[in-house]
């Protein structure tokens, strides 16, 4: 049996459906997303912004994971990772100091650390 929030990562589609169902948190989140989309001129930065945004929303909703919008793969939130020992796989939101490391520019690291 999976822990609460681990089985189904929060997805962009789920947020959109919740907004369609007039859930206030989702409507607010989509408003934030629209602002991100207007400001991002670089597709790579937009993807990182989506990830940071989904990470923040998932954390606020008490979810352990969110779905990467580009791949659909589940990504653990920092909150979830804090409950585990470091796995050494350089998780995107690693709170143990083993994050994505040299693969990202300093600017990208700042976006991902937005939690």
Foldseek 3Di string as FASTA:
>chain_A
DDDPQPPDAAEPVNLVVVVVVVDVLSVVLVVVLVVLVVPDPDPVVNQLLVLLSSLVSCVVVVHQWHQRHVPRDTAGHCVNQVVDDDPLPQGCHDPPPSHPPPVDDPVSNVSSPND
